[in-house]
Amino acid sequence: MARKKQPKYNVGDIVVITLYGTVGKITNMKVLDGVYVYEVNNHDGFYVEQTLQHVSEQEMKKGDTEWIELNYNFTFGDLVQVTGYDKDVFRIVGFRTEVWRYKNDAWEDTIYELSRITDGEWLEADESDLTLLANAQTANAILKKMKQDKAGMNKLDLGKLKSINNSKKVSVKTNRQEIIDGLLDIYNDYQLLFDTFKDEEYKIVMDVVHNYLVKLTEKK
């Protein structure tokens, strides 16, 4: 009789998040699609076992590790406006956090990678320069409207979208499977745009999203 796979970690274990090199305590765990996933420091989102390591397994000198809490206000697939590009709408296709440390100062910057909806033009922007127009789920409906009319984005009430998102906090999806699903939605949206308009800019975005999907699936 086959034995049920046991979790590698338990609630209360101190682990290193190898993606960031930060240390935290496991505060929850569950099984997702047959795989154990773990919550760290009561933050939204879960990590798979391959992205964690017992702190005792890390050969570190004292002072090599610090606690860093990262909170993202946006995620894959969100529609945003960018300061200085008030008439344009962009979709988030990636993001990264840069950690800066100096003798008398320290900070973290989150940089978002964006693709302009109308032509796929690439842009990077700081989190402080972004305004949420629609979360990933709502964005899909908006893009369907755009596909029916290439100028459809000009007909959207962007002011109304901003007011809706200012009055209702949108939770950020950090669950791995949800991120993959969001990236697949983005890929399919741009596949249809490329097939319709034959613009190579859309193909570039598809390639970028494909690379993110490969990285995520390799972490199973």
N, C-alpha and C. Protein backbone atom coordinates (compact mmCIF):
# COMPACT_ATOMS: atom_id res chain seq x y z
N MET A 1 0.84 -1.20 0.00
CA MET A 1 0.00 0.00 0.00
C MET A 1 0.88 1.25 0.00
N ALA A 2 0.60 2.15 -0.92
CA ALA A 2 1.41 3.36 -1.04
C ALA A 2 1.20 4.28 0.15
N ARG A 3 2.28 4.86 0.61
CA ARG A 3 2.20 5.80 1.73
C ARG A 3 1.92 7.20 1.21
N LYS A 4 1.08 7.91 1.92
CA LYS A 4 0.78 9.29 1.55
C LYS A 4 2.00 10.16 1.80
N LYS A 5 2.32 11.00 0.83
CA LYS A 5 3.48 11.89 0.98
C LYS A 5 3.28 12.83 2.16
N GLN A 6 4.32 12.95 2.98
CA GLN A 6 4.26 13.82 4.14
C GLN A 6 4.85 15.19 3.80
N PRO A 7 4.34 16.24 4.44
CA PRO A 7 4.88 17.58 4.18
C PRO A 7 6.31 17.69 4.69
N LYS A 8 7.12 18.43 3.98
CA LYS A 8 8.51 18.63 4.38
C LYS A 8 8.62 19.59 5.56
N TYR A 9 7.67 20.54 5.65
CA TYR A 9 7.70 21.56 6.70
C TYR A 9 6.40 21.54 7.49
N ASN A 10 6.45 22.10 8.70
CA ASN A 10 5.28 22.19 9.57
C ASN A 10 5.09 23.63 10.02
N VAL A 11 3.86 23.94 10.45
CA VAL A 11 3.58 25.27 10.97
C VAL A 11 4.52 25.56 12.14
N GLY A 12 5.14 26.71 12.13
CA GLY A 12 6.10 27.08 13.17
C GLY A 12 7.55 26.94 12.75
N ASP A 13 7.81 26.17 11.68
CA ASP A 13 9.19 26.01 11.21
C ASP A 13 9.73 27.35 10.70
N ILE A 14 11.01 27.58 10.95
CA ILE A 14 11.68 28.77 10.43
C ILE A 14 12.38 28.37 9.13
N VAL A 15 12.06 29.06 8.06
CA VAL A 15 12.57 28.69 6.74
C VAL A 15 13.16 29.90 6.03
N VAL A 16 13.98 29.61 5.03
CA VAL A 16 14.50 30.64 4.13
C VAL A 16 13.72 30.56 2.83
N ILE A 17 13.19 31.70 2.38
CA ILE A 17 12.54 31.77 1.07
C ILE A 17 13.67 31.96 0.06
N THR A 18 14.02 30.90 -0.66
CA THR A 18 15.21 30.93 -1.50
C THR A 18 15.07 31.89 -2.68
N LEU A 19 13.84 32.23 -3.06
CA LEU A 19 13.64 33.18 -4.16
C LEU A 19 14.19 34.55 -3.80
N TYR A 20 14.13 34.90 -2.50
CA TYR A 20 14.53 36.24 -2.07
C TYR A 20 15.68 36.23 -1.07
N GLY A 21 16.00 35.05 -0.49
CA GLY A 21 17.03 34.99 0.53
C GLY A 21 16.57 35.51 1.87
N THR A 22 15.24 35.61 2.08
CA THR A 22 14.70 36.12 3.34
C THR A 22 14.24 34.97 4.23
N VAL A 23 14.14 35.26 5.54
CA VAL A 23 13.78 34.25 6.53
C VAL A 23 12.40 34.54 7.09
N GLY A 24 11.62 33.49 7.32
CA GLY A 24 10.29 33.68 7.89
C GLY A 24 9.80 32.42 8.58
N LYS A 25 8.65 32.55 9.23
CA LYS A 25 8.04 31.42 9.94
C LYS A 25 6.83 30.92 9.15
N ILE A 26 6.70 29.61 9.02
CA ILE A 26 5.54 29.02 8.35
C ILE A 26 4.32 29.17 9.25
N THR A 27 3.29 29.84 8.74
CA THR A 27 2.10 30.13 9.53
C THR A 27 0.87 29.35 9.07
N ASN A 28 0.96 28.70 7.92
CA ASN A 28 -0.17 27.90 7.44
C ASN A 28 0.34 26.99 6.33
N MET A 29 -0.38 25.92 6.08
CA MET A 29 -0.03 25.02 4.99
C MET A 29 -1.29 24.33 4.50
N LYS A 30 -1.28 23.94 3.23
CA LYS A 30 -2.42 23.21 2.66
C LYS A 30 -1.95 22.45 1.44
N VAL A 31 -2.83 21.61 0.91
CA VAL A 31 -2.53 20.84 -0.29
C VAL A 31 -3.26 21.48 -1.47
N LEU A 32 -2.52 21.80 -2.52
CA LEU A 32 -3.08 22.41 -3.72
C LEU A 32 -2.70 21.55 -4.92
N ASP A 33 -3.70 20.96 -5.56
CA ASP A 33 -3.46 20.08 -6.71
C ASP A 33 -2.48 18.97 -6.37
N GLY A 34 -2.61 18.44 -5.14
CA GLY A 34 -1.76 17.33 -4.72
C GLY A 34 -0.38 17.73 -4.26
N VAL A 35 -0.12 19.03 -4.16
CA VAL A 35 1.20 19.54 -3.77
C VAL A 35 1.06 20.35 -2.49
N TYR A 36 1.96 20.12 -1.52
CA TYR A 36 1.96 20.92 -0.30
C TYR A 36 2.47 22.32 -0.61
N VAL A 37 1.73 23.32 -0.12
CA VAL A 37 2.15 24.72 -0.25
C VAL A 37 2.08 25.36 1.13
N TYR A 38 2.91 26.40 1.33
CA TYR A 38 3.10 26.95 2.66
C TYR A 38 2.97 28.47 2.67
N GLU A 39 2.26 28.97 3.70
CA GLU A 39 2.17 30.40 3.94
C GLU A 39 3.29 30.81 4.89
N VAL A 40 3.91 31.96 4.63
CA VAL A 40 5.01 32.45 5.46
C VAL A 40 4.66 33.82 6.03
N ASN A 41 4.81 33.96 7.35
CA ASN A 41 4.59 35.25 8.04
C ASN A 41 3.18 35.80 7.86
N ASN A 42 2.19 34.92 7.71
CA ASN A 42 0.79 35.33 7.58
C ASN A 42 0.52 36.19 6.36
N HIS A 43 1.40 36.16 5.38
CA HIS A 43 1.20 36.94 4.16
C HIS A 43 0.32 36.18 3.18
N ASP A 44 -0.39 36.93 2.34
CA ASP A 44 -1.18 36.29 1.29
C ASP A 44 -0.25 35.53 0.35
N GLY A 45 -0.73 34.41 -0.16
CA GLY A 45 0.06 33.63 -1.10
C GLY A 45 0.77 32.48 -0.41
N PHE A 46 1.11 31.47 -1.21
CA PHE A 46 1.75 30.28 -0.69
C PHE A 46 2.98 29.94 -1.53
N TYR A 47 3.94 29.25 -0.90
CA TYR A 47 5.17 28.83 -1.56
C TYR A 47 5.20 27.30 -1.65
N VAL A 48 5.71 26.78 -2.77
CA VAL A 48 5.90 25.34 -2.90
C VAL A 48 7.19 24.96 -2.17
N GLU A 49 7.34 23.65 -1.88
CA GLU A 49 8.47 23.20 -1.07
C GLU A 49 9.82 23.55 -1.69
N GLN A 50 9.89 23.52 -3.04
CA GLN A 50 11.17 23.75 -3.69
C GLN A 50 11.69 25.17 -3.51
N THR A 51 10.81 26.09 -3.10
CA THR A 51 11.25 27.49 -2.93
C THR A 51 11.60 27.80 -1.48
N LEU A 52 11.54 26.77 -0.60
CA LEU A 52 11.83 26.97 0.82
C LEU A 52 12.98 26.06 1.26
N GLN A 53 13.61 26.45 2.35
CA GLN A 53 14.68 25.64 2.92
C GLN A 53 14.75 25.90 4.42
N HIS A 54 14.91 24.83 5.21
CA HIS A 54 15.06 25.01 6.65
C HIS A 54 16.23 25.93 6.93
N VAL A 55 16.04 26.84 7.87
CA VAL A 55 17.12 27.79 8.16
C VAL A 55 18.37 27.06 8.64
N SER A 56 18.19 25.89 9.25
CA SER A 56 19.34 25.11 9.73
C SER A 56 20.16 24.54 8.58
N GLU A 57 19.54 24.44 7.39
CA GLU A 57 20.24 23.91 6.23
C GLU A 57 21.11 24.96 5.55
N GLN A 58 20.87 26.19 5.90
CA GLN A 58 21.63 27.29 5.29
C GLN A 58 22.92 27.52 6.06
N GLU A 59 24.03 27.46 5.37
CA GLU A 59 25.32 27.72 6.01
C GLU A 59 25.59 29.22 5.91
N MET A 60 25.11 29.94 6.93
CA MET A 60 25.21 31.39 6.90
C MET A 60 25.96 31.89 8.13
N LYS A 61 26.64 32.96 7.97
CA LYS A 61 27.26 33.64 9.10
C LYS A 61 26.26 34.60 9.71
N LYS A 62 26.42 34.87 10.97
CA LYS A 62 25.55 35.81 11.65
C LYS A 62 25.58 37.15 10.94
N GLY A 63 24.42 37.69 10.67
CA GLY A 63 24.33 38.98 10.00
C GLY A 63 24.13 38.87 8.50
N ASP A 64 24.20 37.65 7.94
CA ASP A 64 24.04 37.48 6.50
C ASP A 64 22.58 37.53 6.08
N THR A 65 21.66 37.38 7.02
CA THR A 65 20.25 37.28 6.69
C THR A 65 19.45 38.35 7.42
N GLU A 66 18.44 38.87 6.77
CA GLU A 66 17.56 39.83 7.39
C GLU A 66 16.12 39.55 6.96
N TRP A 67 15.18 40.06 7.74
CA TRP A 67 13.77 39.91 7.43
C TRP A 67 13.35 41.05 6.51
N ILE A 68 12.72 40.71 5.40
CA ILE A 68 12.20 41.73 4.48
C ILE A 68 10.76 41.38 4.17
N GLU A 69 9.84 42.28 4.45
CA GLU A 69 8.44 42.08 4.13
C GLU A 69 8.13 42.79 2.82
N LEU A 70 7.67 42.02 1.84
CA LEU A 70 7.36 42.57 0.52
C LEU A 70 5.87 42.51 0.29
N ASN A 71 5.26 43.66 0.04
CA ASN A 71 3.84 43.73 -0.26
C ASN A 71 3.65 44.35 -1.64
N TYR A 72 3.01 43.60 -2.52
CA TYR A 72 2.81 44.06 -3.89
C TYR A 72 1.39 44.59 -4.06
N ASN A 73 1.27 45.79 -4.61
CA ASN A 73 -0.05 46.39 -4.84
C ASN A 73 -0.65 46.01 -6.17
N PHE A 74 0.15 45.39 -7.05
CA PHE A 74 -0.32 45.00 -8.38
C PHE A 74 0.19 43.60 -8.69
N THR A 75 -0.42 42.95 -9.70
CA THR A 75 0.03 41.62 -10.06
C THR A 75 -0.17 41.38 -11.55
N PHE A 76 0.20 40.19 -12.01
CA PHE A 76 0.12 39.85 -13.42
C PHE A 76 -1.29 40.07 -13.98
N GLY A 77 -1.37 40.74 -15.13
CA GLY A 77 -2.65 40.91 -15.80
C GLY A 77 -3.41 42.16 -15.46
N ASP A 78 -3.02 42.86 -14.38
CA ASP A 78 -3.72 44.09 -14.01
C ASP A 78 -3.55 45.15 -15.10
N LEU A 79 -4.60 45.95 -15.30
CA LEU A 79 -4.52 47.11 -16.19
C LEU A 79 -4.21 48.34 -15.36
N VAL A 80 -3.23 49.13 -15.81
CA VAL A 80 -2.80 50.30 -15.04
C VAL A 80 -2.56 51.49 -15.96
N GLN A 81 -2.57 52.67 -15.36
CA GLN A 81 -2.08 53.87 -16.02
C GLN A 81 -0.75 54.25 -15.37
N VAL A 82 0.11 54.92 -16.14
CA VAL A 82 1.44 55.29 -15.68
C VAL A 82 1.58 56.80 -15.70
N THR A 83 2.16 57.34 -14.65
CA THR A 83 2.39 58.78 -14.59
C THR A 83 3.17 59.23 -15.83
N GLY A 84 2.64 60.26 -16.51
CA GLY A 84 3.27 60.74 -17.74
C GLY A 84 2.71 60.10 -18.98
N TYR A 85 1.89 59.05 -18.82
CA TYR A 85 1.25 58.37 -19.95
C TYR A 85 -0.26 58.30 -19.70
N ASP A 86 -0.85 59.43 -19.34
CA ASP A 86 -2.23 59.43 -18.85
C ASP A 86 -3.26 58.96 -19.87
N LYS A 87 -2.94 59.02 -21.15
CA LYS A 87 -3.90 58.60 -22.18
C LYS A 87 -3.70 57.15 -22.60
N ASP A 88 -2.70 56.49 -22.02
CA ASP A 88 -2.39 55.11 -22.40
C ASP A 88 -2.76 54.14 -21.28
N VAL A 89 -3.06 52.93 -21.68
CA VAL A 89 -3.37 51.85 -20.74
C VAL A 89 -2.34 50.74 -20.93
N PHE A 90 -1.79 50.26 -19.82
CA PHE A 90 -0.77 49.21 -19.85
C PHE A 90 -1.25 47.99 -19.07
N ARG A 91 -0.70 46.85 -19.44
CA ARG A 91 -0.98 45.62 -18.69
C ARG A 91 0.31 45.11 -18.07
N ILE A 92 0.23 44.67 -16.83
CA ILE A 92 1.42 44.17 -16.12
C ILE A 92 1.74 42.75 -16.59
N VAL A 93 2.97 42.56 -17.06
CA VAL A 93 3.40 41.24 -17.52
C VAL A 93 4.55 40.69 -16.68
N GLY A 94 5.05 41.46 -15.72
CA GLY A 94 6.12 40.98 -14.85
C GLY A 94 6.49 42.03 -13.83
N PHE A 95 7.20 41.61 -12.77
CA PHE A 95 7.70 42.57 -11.79
C PHE A 95 8.87 41.97 -11.02
N ARG A 96 9.67 42.85 -10.44
CA ARG A 96 10.83 42.41 -9.66
C ARG A 96 11.05 43.40 -8.52
N THR A 97 11.76 42.97 -7.49
CA THR A 97 12.09 43.85 -6.37
C THR A 97 13.61 43.97 -6.27
N GLU A 98 14.08 45.20 -6.23
CA GLU A 98 15.51 45.48 -6.07
C GLU A 98 15.77 45.89 -4.62
N VAL A 99 16.72 45.24 -3.97
CA VAL A 99 17.05 45.51 -2.57
C VAL A 99 18.33 46.34 -2.52
N TRP A 100 18.23 47.50 -1.88
CA TRP A 100 19.37 48.42 -1.79
C TRP A 100 19.83 48.52 -0.33
N ARG A 101 21.14 48.33 -0.09
CA ARG A 101 21.69 48.41 1.25
C ARG A 101 22.98 49.24 1.24
N TYR A 102 22.99 50.25 2.11
CA TYR A 102 24.18 51.08 2.30
C TYR A 102 24.47 51.18 3.79
N LYS A 103 25.59 51.77 4.13
CA LYS A 103 25.99 51.84 5.53
C LYS A 103 24.95 52.54 6.38
N ASN A 104 24.40 53.65 5.88
CA ASN A 104 23.46 54.44 6.66
C ASN A 104 22.08 54.54 6.04
N ASP A 105 21.78 53.65 5.10
CA ASP A 105 20.47 53.73 4.45
C ASP A 105 20.11 52.37 3.87
N ALA A 106 18.81 52.15 3.70
CA ALA A 106 18.34 50.89 3.13
C ALA A 106 16.93 51.07 2.60
N TRP A 107 16.63 50.46 1.45
CA TRP A 107 15.27 50.51 0.92
C TRP A 107 15.11 49.42 -0.15
N GLU A 108 13.85 49.19 -0.54
CA GLU A 108 13.53 48.23 -1.59
C GLU A 108 12.69 48.94 -2.65
N ASP A 109 12.97 48.69 -3.91
CA ASP A 109 12.19 49.24 -5.02
C ASP A 109 11.54 48.11 -5.79
N THR A 110 10.25 48.23 -6.07
CA THR A 110 9.55 47.26 -6.91
C THR A 110 9.37 47.87 -8.29
N ILE A 111 9.88 47.18 -9.30
CA ILE A 111 9.80 47.64 -10.68
C ILE A 111 8.83 46.73 -11.44
N TYR A 112 7.88 47.34 -12.13
CA TYR A 112 6.89 46.58 -12.90
C TYR A 112 7.20 46.65 -14.39
N GLU A 113 7.10 45.51 -15.05
CA GLU A 113 7.28 45.43 -16.50
C GLU A 113 5.90 45.47 -17.14
N LEU A 114 5.73 46.39 -18.09
CA LEU A 114 4.41 46.68 -18.64
C LEU A 114 4.41 46.54 -20.16
N SER A 115 3.23 46.29 -20.70
CA SER A 115 3.02 46.27 -22.14
C SER A 115 1.82 47.15 -22.46
N ARG A 116 2.01 48.13 -23.36
CA ARG A 116 0.90 49.02 -23.70
C ARG A 116 -0.14 48.25 -24.50
N ILE A 117 -1.40 48.42 -24.13
CA ILE A 117 -2.49 47.65 -24.73
C ILE A 117 -2.60 47.89 -26.23
N THR A 118 -2.47 49.12 -26.66
CA THR A 118 -2.75 49.45 -28.06
C THR A 118 -1.73 48.91 -29.04
N ASP A 119 -0.44 48.85 -28.64
CA ASP A 119 0.58 48.42 -29.60
C ASP A 119 1.64 47.50 -29.02
N GLY A 120 1.53 47.14 -27.73
CA GLY A 120 2.49 46.22 -27.13
C GLY A 120 3.81 46.85 -26.74
N GLU A 121 3.93 48.19 -26.82
CA GLU A 121 5.19 48.84 -26.47
C GLU A 121 5.58 48.53 -25.03
N TRP A 122 6.88 48.26 -24.83
CA TRP A 122 7.42 47.83 -23.54
C TRP A 122 7.75 49.04 -22.67
N LEU A 123 7.48 48.91 -21.37
CA LEU A 123 7.78 49.99 -20.44
C LEU A 123 8.04 49.41 -19.06
N GLU A 124 8.98 50.01 -18.32
CA GLU A 124 9.19 49.68 -16.92
C GLU A 124 8.82 50.89 -16.08
N ALA A 125 8.21 50.65 -14.91
CA ALA A 125 7.78 51.77 -14.07
C ALA A 125 7.85 51.39 -12.60
N ASP A 126 8.13 52.38 -11.75
CA ASP A 126 8.09 52.17 -10.31
C ASP A 126 6.64 52.00 -9.85
N GLU A 127 6.47 51.30 -8.74
CA GLU A 127 5.13 51.07 -8.21
C GLU A 127 4.41 52.39 -7.92
N SER A 128 5.15 53.40 -7.47
CA SER A 128 4.53 54.68 -7.13
C SER A 128 3.98 55.42 -8.34
N ASP A 129 4.41 55.03 -9.54
CA ASP A 129 3.95 55.70 -10.76
C ASP A 129 2.72 55.03 -11.38
N LEU A 130 2.22 53.96 -10.75
CA LEU A 130 1.10 53.21 -11.32
C LEU A 130 -0.21 53.51 -10.62
N THR A 131 -1.28 53.54 -11.41
CA THR A 131 -2.64 53.65 -10.88
C THR A 131 -3.46 52.49 -11.43
N LEU A 132 -4.08 51.72 -10.55
CA LEU A 132 -4.85 50.56 -10.97
C LEU A 132 -6.14 50.99 -11.66
N LEU A 133 -6.37 50.46 -12.86
CA LEU A 133 -7.62 50.69 -13.58
C LEU A 133 -8.56 49.50 -13.44
N ALA A 134 -8.00 48.30 -13.52
CA ALA A 134 -8.83 47.09 -13.42
C ALA A 134 -7.94 45.92 -13.05
N ASN A 135 -8.43 45.05 -12.16
CA ASN A 135 -7.64 43.87 -11.82
C ASN A 135 -7.68 42.87 -12.97
N ALA A 136 -6.93 41.79 -12.82
CA ALA A 136 -6.74 40.87 -13.94
C ALA A 136 -8.06 40.29 -14.46
N GLN A 137 -8.98 39.96 -13.53
CA GLN A 137 -10.25 39.38 -13.97
C GLN A 137 -11.06 40.37 -14.80
N THR A 138 -11.16 41.61 -14.33
CA THR A 138 -11.90 42.63 -15.06
C THR A 138 -11.19 42.97 -16.37
N ALA A 139 -9.87 42.91 -16.36
CA ALA A 139 -9.09 43.24 -17.55
C ALA A 139 -9.45 42.35 -18.73
N ASN A 140 -9.73 41.08 -18.46
CA ASN A 140 -10.07 40.17 -19.55
C ASN A 140 -11.32 40.62 -20.29
N ALA A 141 -12.32 41.09 -19.54
CA ALA A 141 -13.55 41.58 -20.17
C ALA A 141 -13.27 42.83 -20.99
N ILE A 142 -12.40 43.70 -20.48
CA ILE A 142 -12.05 44.93 -21.19
C ILE A 142 -11.33 44.60 -22.49
N LEU A 143 -10.41 43.65 -22.44
CA LEU A 143 -9.66 43.30 -23.64
C LEU A 143 -10.55 42.64 -24.70
N LYS A 144 -11.56 41.91 -24.25
CA LYS A 144 -12.50 41.34 -25.21
C LYS A 144 -13.21 42.44 -25.96
N LYS A 145 -13.55 43.52 -25.25
CA LYS A 145 -14.19 44.66 -25.90
C LYS A 145 -13.23 45.28 -26.90
N MET A 146 -11.97 45.36 -26.54
CA MET A 146 -10.98 45.95 -27.43
C MET A 146 -10.82 45.12 -28.70
N LYS A 147 -10.85 43.79 -28.56
CA LYS A 147 -10.70 42.92 -29.72
C LYS A 147 -11.81 43.13 -30.74
N GLN A 148 -13.00 43.47 -30.24
CA GLN A 148 -14.13 43.71 -31.13
C GLN A 148 -13.98 45.03 -31.87
N ASP A 149 -13.25 45.96 -31.26
CA ASP A 149 -13.06 47.28 -31.86
C ASP A 149 -11.66 47.75 -31.47
N LYS A 150 -10.75 47.85 -32.43
CA LYS A 150 -9.36 48.19 -32.12
C LYS A 150 -9.25 49.51 -31.38
N ALA A 151 -10.22 50.41 -31.60
CA ALA A 151 -10.22 51.70 -30.91
C ALA A 151 -11.04 51.63 -29.64
N GLY A 152 -11.45 50.44 -29.25
CA GLY A 152 -12.34 50.29 -28.10
C GLY A 152 -11.79 50.87 -26.82
N MET A 153 -10.46 50.82 -26.64
CA MET A 153 -9.88 51.33 -25.41
C MET A 153 -10.14 52.82 -25.26
N ASN A 154 -10.27 53.54 -26.38
CA ASN A 154 -10.55 54.98 -26.30
C ASN A 154 -11.95 55.25 -25.80
N LYS A 155 -12.83 54.26 -25.86
CA LYS A 155 -14.22 54.44 -25.45
C LYS A 155 -14.45 54.08 -23.99
N LEU A 156 -13.42 53.57 -23.32
CA LEU A 156 -13.58 53.18 -21.92
C LEU A 156 -13.58 54.40 -21.02
N ASP A 157 -14.39 54.35 -19.98
CA ASP A 157 -14.42 55.43 -18.99
C ASP A 157 -13.32 55.16 -17.98
N LEU A 158 -12.10 55.65 -18.27
CA LEU A 158 -10.96 55.36 -17.41
C LEU A 158 -11.12 56.00 -16.04
N GLY A 159 -11.75 57.16 -15.99
CA GLY A 159 -11.99 57.82 -14.71
C GLY A 159 -12.87 56.98 -13.81
N LYS A 160 -13.88 56.37 -14.40
CA LYS A 160 -14.79 55.52 -13.62
C LYS A 160 -14.05 54.29 -13.10
N LEU A 161 -13.20 53.71 -13.94
CA LEU A 161 -12.44 52.54 -13.51
C LEU A 161 -11.55 52.88 -12.32
N LYS A 162 -10.90 54.06 -12.38
CA LYS A 162 -10.02 54.46 -11.28
C LYS A 162 -10.80 54.68 -9.99
N SER A 163 -11.99 55.28 -10.10
CA SER A 163 -12.78 55.55 -8.90
C SER A 163 -13.25 54.26 -8.26
N ILE A 164 -13.59 53.27 -9.08
CA ILE A 164 -14.02 51.97 -8.55
C ILE A 164 -12.89 51.32 -7.76
N ASN A 165 -11.68 51.37 -8.29
CA ASN A 165 -10.56 50.72 -7.64
C ASN A 165 -10.05 51.50 -6.44
N ASN A 166 -10.30 52.82 -6.40
CA ASN A 166 -9.93 53.60 -5.22
C ASN A 166 -10.87 53.34 -4.06
N SER A 167 -12.12 53.00 -4.36
CA SER A 167 -13.12 52.80 -3.31
C SER A 167 -13.16 51.36 -2.81
N LYS A 168 -12.57 50.43 -3.57
CA LYS A 168 -12.60 49.01 -3.18
C LYS A 168 -11.21 48.42 -3.33
N LYS A 169 -10.62 48.02 -2.22
CA LYS A 169 -9.28 47.46 -2.23
C LYS A 169 -9.29 46.13 -2.98
N VAL A 170 -8.43 46.00 -3.95
CA VAL A 170 -8.35 44.77 -4.73
C VAL A 170 -7.22 43.91 -4.18
N SER A 171 -7.53 42.70 -3.77
CA SER A 171 -6.51 41.82 -3.22
C SER A 171 -5.60 41.32 -4.32
N VAL A 172 -4.31 41.22 -4.00
CA VAL A 172 -3.32 40.78 -4.97
C VAL A 172 -3.21 39.27 -4.94
N LYS A 173 -3.24 38.64 -6.12
CA LYS A 173 -3.13 37.20 -6.21
C LYS A 173 -1.66 36.79 -6.16
N THR A 174 -1.31 36.00 -5.18
CA THR A 174 0.07 35.55 -5.10
C THR A 174 0.15 34.02 -5.13
N ASN A 175 -1.00 33.35 -5.16
CA ASN A 175 -1.00 31.91 -5.27
C ASN A 175 -0.37 31.50 -6.60
N ARG A 176 0.53 30.53 -6.56
CA ARG A 176 1.28 30.16 -7.76
C ARG A 176 0.37 29.77 -8.92
N GLN A 177 -0.64 28.94 -8.67
CA GLN A 177 -1.51 28.50 -9.74
C GLN A 177 -2.31 29.67 -10.30
N GLU A 178 -2.72 30.61 -9.44
CA GLU A 178 -3.45 31.78 -9.92
C GLU A 178 -2.56 32.64 -10.80
N ILE A 179 -1.27 32.75 -10.45
CA ILE A 179 -0.34 33.51 -11.27
C ILE A 179 -0.19 32.86 -12.64
N ILE A 180 -0.06 31.53 -12.65
CA ILE A 180 0.05 30.81 -13.92
C ILE A 180 -1.20 31.03 -14.77
N ASP A 181 -2.38 30.92 -14.13
CA ASP A 181 -3.63 31.14 -14.86
C ASP A 181 -3.69 32.55 -15.44
N GLY A 182 -3.24 33.53 -14.64
CA GLY A 182 -3.25 34.90 -15.12
C GLY A 182 -2.32 35.10 -16.31
N LEU A 183 -1.14 34.47 -16.25
CA LEU A 183 -0.20 34.58 -17.37
C LEU A 183 -0.75 33.90 -18.62
N LEU A 184 -1.44 32.78 -18.44
CA LEU A 184 -2.05 32.12 -19.59
C LEU A 184 -3.11 33.00 -20.23
N ASP A 185 -3.89 33.70 -19.41
CA ASP A 185 -4.88 34.64 -19.94
C ASP A 185 -4.21 35.73 -20.76
N ILE A 186 -3.11 36.28 -20.22
CA ILE A 186 -2.39 37.33 -20.94
C ILE A 186 -1.86 36.78 -22.27
N TYR A 187 -1.28 35.59 -22.23
CA TYR A 187 -0.73 35.00 -23.45
C TYR A 187 -1.81 34.81 -24.50
N ASN A 188 -2.95 34.27 -24.09
CA ASN A 188 -4.04 34.03 -25.04
C ASN A 188 -4.59 35.34 -25.60
N ASP A 189 -4.68 36.37 -24.74
CA ASP A 189 -5.16 37.67 -25.21
C ASP A 189 -4.24 38.22 -26.31
N TYR A 190 -2.94 38.16 -26.06
CA TYR A 190 -2.00 38.72 -27.04
C TYR A 190 -1.86 37.82 -28.26
N GLN A 191 -2.10 36.53 -28.10
CA GLN A 191 -2.12 35.63 -29.26
C GLN A 191 -3.24 36.05 -30.21
N LEU A 192 -4.42 36.34 -29.65
CA LEU A 192 -5.54 36.76 -30.49
C LEU A 192 -5.27 38.12 -31.13
N LEU A 193 -4.67 39.03 -30.36
CA LEU A 193 -4.33 40.34 -30.93
C LEU A 193 -3.31 40.20 -32.06
N PHE A 194 -2.33 39.33 -31.87
CA PHE A 194 -1.32 39.12 -32.91
C PHE A 194 -1.95 38.50 -34.15
N ASP A 195 -2.82 37.50 -33.96
CA ASP A 195 -3.48 36.87 -35.10
C ASP A 195 -4.37 37.85 -35.86
N THR A 196 -4.95 38.81 -35.11
CA THR A 196 -5.87 39.76 -35.74
C THR A 196 -5.14 40.88 -36.47
N PHE A 197 -4.10 41.45 -35.81
CA PHE A 197 -3.47 42.65 -36.36
C PHE A 197 -2.06 42.43 -36.91
N LYS A 198 -1.49 41.23 -36.69
CA LYS A 198 -0.16 40.88 -37.22
C LYS A 198 0.93 41.87 -36.80
N ASP A 199 0.81 42.41 -35.61
CA ASP A 199 1.79 43.37 -35.10
C ASP A 199 2.83 42.62 -34.29
N GLU A 200 4.11 42.73 -34.68
CA GLU A 200 5.18 41.99 -34.02
C GLU A 200 5.34 42.37 -32.55
N GLU A 201 4.88 43.57 -32.15
CA GLU A 201 4.97 43.98 -30.75
C GLU A 201 4.19 43.02 -29.86
N TYR A 202 3.04 42.54 -30.36
CA TYR A 202 2.24 41.58 -29.59
C TYR A 202 3.00 40.27 -29.43
N LYS A 203 3.73 39.87 -30.47
CA LYS A 203 4.52 38.63 -30.42
C LYS A 203 5.63 38.74 -29.37
N ILE A 204 6.23 39.93 -29.24
CA ILE A 204 7.28 40.14 -28.24
C ILE A 204 6.73 39.91 -26.83
N VAL A 205 5.52 40.45 -26.57
CA VAL A 205 4.89 40.26 -25.26
C VAL A 205 4.60 38.78 -25.03
N MET A 206 4.13 38.08 -26.06
CA MET A 206 3.86 36.65 -25.93
C MET A 206 5.13 35.90 -25.53
N ASP A 207 6.26 36.26 -26.13
CA ASP A 207 7.52 35.59 -25.81
C ASP A 207 7.93 35.84 -24.36
N VAL A 208 7.75 37.08 -23.89
CA VAL A 208 8.10 37.42 -22.51
C VAL A 208 7.24 36.62 -21.53
N VAL A 209 5.93 36.59 -21.79
CA VAL A 209 5.02 35.85 -20.91
C VAL A 209 5.35 34.36 -20.94
N HIS A 210 5.68 33.85 -22.12
CA HIS A 210 6.05 32.44 -22.24
C HIS A 210 7.26 32.12 -21.37
N ASN A 211 8.24 33.02 -21.34
CA ASN A 211 9.43 32.80 -20.51
C ASN A 211 9.07 32.74 -19.03
N TYR A 212 8.15 33.62 -18.59
CA TYR A 212 7.71 33.59 -17.19
C TYR A 212 7.02 32.25 -16.88
N LEU A 213 6.20 31.77 -17.81
CA LEU A 213 5.49 30.50 -17.60
C LEU A 213 6.48 29.35 -17.47
N VAL A 214 7.51 29.36 -18.31
CA VAL A 214 8.52 28.30 -18.24
C VAL A 214 9.20 28.30 -16.88
N LYS A 215 9.57 29.49 -16.38
CA LYS A 215 10.24 29.59 -15.08
C LYS A 215 9.35 29.07 -13.96
N LEU A 216 8.05 29.41 -14.01
CA LEU A 216 7.14 28.98 -12.96
C LEU A 216 6.92 27.48 -12.98
N THR A 217 6.74 26.91 -14.18
CA THR A 217 6.47 25.47 -14.27
C THR A 217 7.70 24.65 -13.92
N GLU A 218 8.89 25.22 -14.10
CA GLU A 218 10.11 24.50 -13.73
C GLU A 218 10.28 24.37 -12.23
N LYS A 219 9.50 25.16 -11.46
CA LYS A 219 9.62 25.14 -10.00
C LYS A 219 8.69 24.14 -9.35
N LYS A 220 8.06 23.28 -10.15
CA LYS A 220 7.15 22.29 -9.57
C LYS A 220 7.90 21.36 -8.64
